[in-house]
Amino acid sequence: MGAGGIGAAVIEWTADLIGSLSDTMFLLIIPTILCLILALLVRHPAGN
C-alpha cells in the first residue's frame, strides 16, 4: 500500500469519526500542504 492508499484510509476513518464527508474533504488541505513541504525538504540522490 502506498501513500495514496494510506491517505484514503485515513480520510475514510476521519469521515467516520467526524460524521461528515464534506468537513473531512475540507481538512484534506492540511495533509496536502504537509506533503508539499516534505517534498521540498527531502533530498533525493542526484543519480535518480
N, C-alpha and C. Protein backbone atom coordinates (compact mmCIF):
# COMPACT_ATOMS: atom_id res chain seq x y z
N MET A 1 0.85 -1.17 0.00
CA MET A 1 0.00 0.00 0.00
C MET A 1 0.89 1.23 0.00
N GLY A 2 0.62 2.13 -0.90
CA GLY A 2 1.41 3.35 -0.99
C GLY A 2 0.82 4.46 -0.13
N ALA A 3 1.41 5.63 -0.28
CA ALA A 3 0.95 6.79 0.49
C ALA A 3 -0.48 7.16 0.13
N GLY A 4 -0.87 6.96 -1.12
CA GLY A 4 -2.24 7.27 -1.53
C GLY A 4 -3.26 6.38 -0.85
N GLY A 5 -2.93 5.09 -0.71
CA GLY A 5 -3.82 4.17 -0.03
C GLY A 5 -3.95 4.48 1.45
N ILE A 6 -2.83 4.84 2.06
CA ILE A 6 -2.86 5.21 3.47
C ILE A 6 -3.67 6.49 3.65
N GLY A 7 -3.49 7.44 2.74
CA GLY A 7 -4.25 8.69 2.81
C GLY A 7 -5.74 8.46 2.67
N ALA A 8 -6.12 7.57 1.76
CA ALA A 8 -7.55 7.26 1.57
C ALA A 8 -8.12 6.60 2.81
N ALA A 9 -7.35 5.71 3.43
CA ALA A 9 -7.82 5.05 4.65
C ALA A 9 -7.99 6.05 5.79
N VAL A 10 -7.06 6.98 5.91
CA VAL A 10 -7.15 7.99 6.96
C VAL A 10 -8.35 8.90 6.73
N ILE A 11 -8.60 9.26 5.47
CA ILE A 11 -9.75 10.11 5.15
C ILE A 11 -11.05 9.40 5.51
N GLU A 12 -11.14 8.14 5.17
CA GLU A 12 -12.34 7.36 5.48
C GLU A 12 -12.55 7.26 6.98
N TRP A 13 -11.49 6.98 7.71
CA TRP A 13 -11.56 6.87 9.17
C TRP A 13 -11.99 8.19 9.78
N THR A 14 -11.41 9.31 9.30
CA THR A 14 -11.75 10.63 9.82
C THR A 14 -13.19 10.98 9.50
N ALA A 15 -13.66 10.64 8.31
CA ALA A 15 -15.05 10.92 7.95
C ALA A 15 -16.00 10.16 8.87
N ASP A 16 -15.64 8.93 9.23
CA ASP A 16 -16.47 8.17 10.16
C ASP A 16 -16.50 8.82 11.54
N LEU A 17 -15.34 9.32 11.99
CA LEU A 17 -15.29 9.96 13.31
C LEU A 17 -16.06 11.27 13.34
N ILE A 18 -15.85 12.10 12.31
CA ILE A 18 -16.50 13.41 12.26
C ILE A 18 -17.97 13.27 11.90
N GLY A 19 -18.28 12.33 11.04
CA GLY A 19 -19.65 12.13 10.61
C GLY A 19 -20.03 12.98 9.43
N SER A 20 -19.05 13.62 8.81
CA SER A 20 -19.35 14.49 7.67
C SER A 20 -18.22 14.39 6.65
N LEU A 21 -18.56 13.91 5.47
CA LEU A 21 -17.54 13.79 4.42
C LEU A 21 -17.09 15.16 3.93
N SER A 22 -17.99 16.13 3.87
CA SER A 22 -17.61 17.45 3.37
C SER A 22 -16.61 18.12 4.31
N ASP A 23 -16.79 17.98 5.63
CA ASP A 23 -15.82 18.54 6.57
C ASP A 23 -14.47 17.83 6.44
N THR A 24 -14.52 16.53 6.24
CA THR A 24 -13.29 15.77 6.08
C THR A 24 -12.55 16.19 4.82
N MET A 25 -13.28 16.40 3.73
CA MET A 25 -12.64 16.82 2.48
C MET A 25 -12.00 18.20 2.65
N PHE A 26 -12.62 19.07 3.46
CA PHE A 26 -12.02 20.37 3.74
C PHE A 26 -10.71 20.21 4.49
N LEU A 27 -10.67 19.24 5.42
CA LEU A 27 -9.46 19.00 6.20
C LEU A 27 -8.33 18.42 5.37
N LEU A 28 -8.62 17.98 4.15
CA LEU A 28 -7.57 17.45 3.26
C LEU A 28 -6.53 18.50 2.91
N ILE A 29 -6.88 19.76 3.07
CA ILE A 29 -5.93 20.83 2.77
C ILE A 29 -4.67 20.68 3.62
N ILE A 30 -4.83 20.28 4.87
CA ILE A 30 -3.70 20.19 5.80
C ILE A 30 -2.68 19.14 5.35
N PRO A 31 -3.06 17.87 5.11
CA PRO A 31 -2.04 16.91 4.68
C PRO A 31 -1.47 17.23 3.30
N THR A 32 -2.27 17.88 2.45
CA THR A 32 -1.76 18.26 1.13
C THR A 32 -0.62 19.25 1.27
N ILE A 33 -0.79 20.24 2.12
CA ILE A 33 0.27 21.23 2.35
C ILE A 33 1.48 20.58 2.99
N LEU A 34 1.25 19.68 3.96
CA LEU A 34 2.37 18.98 4.60
C LEU A 34 3.16 18.15 3.61
N CYS A 35 2.47 17.49 2.69
CA CYS A 35 3.16 16.68 1.68
C CYS A 35 4.00 17.55 0.76
N LEU A 36 3.49 18.71 0.39
CA LEU A 36 4.27 19.61 -0.45
C LEU A 36 5.52 20.09 0.27
N ILE A 37 5.40 20.41 1.55
CA ILE A 37 6.56 20.85 2.32
C ILE A 37 7.58 19.71 2.44
N LEU A 38 7.11 18.50 2.72
CA LEU A 38 8.03 17.35 2.80
C LEU A 38 8.73 17.10 1.47
N ALA A 39 8.01 17.25 0.37
CA ALA A 39 8.62 17.03 -0.95
C ALA A 39 9.73 18.05 -1.21
N LEU A 40 9.58 19.24 -0.69
CA LEU A 40 10.62 20.25 -0.88
C LEU A 40 11.82 20.00 0.04
N LEU A 41 11.59 19.43 1.20
CA LEU A 41 12.66 19.25 2.18
C LEU A 41 13.46 17.97 1.98
N VAL A 42 12.85 16.93 1.43
CA VAL A 42 13.54 15.64 1.28
C VAL A 42 14.47 15.70 0.08
N ARG A 43 15.72 15.37 0.32
CA ARG A 43 16.72 15.37 -0.76
C ARG A 43 16.77 14.00 -1.42
N HIS A 44 16.75 13.98 -2.72
CA HIS A 44 16.84 12.74 -3.48
C HIS A 44 18.25 12.60 -4.03
N PRO A 45 18.74 11.38 -4.19
CA PRO A 45 20.07 11.18 -4.76
C PRO A 45 20.17 11.80 -6.16
N ALA A 46 21.32 12.34 -6.47
CA ALA A 46 21.50 13.02 -7.76
C ALA A 46 21.38 12.06 -8.94
N GLY A 47 21.71 10.79 -8.75
CA GLY A 47 21.68 9.83 -9.84
C GLY A 47 20.29 9.41 -10.28
N ASN A 48 19.29 9.67 -9.47
CA ASN A 48 17.94 9.21 -9.81
C ASN A 48 17.21 10.29 -10.52
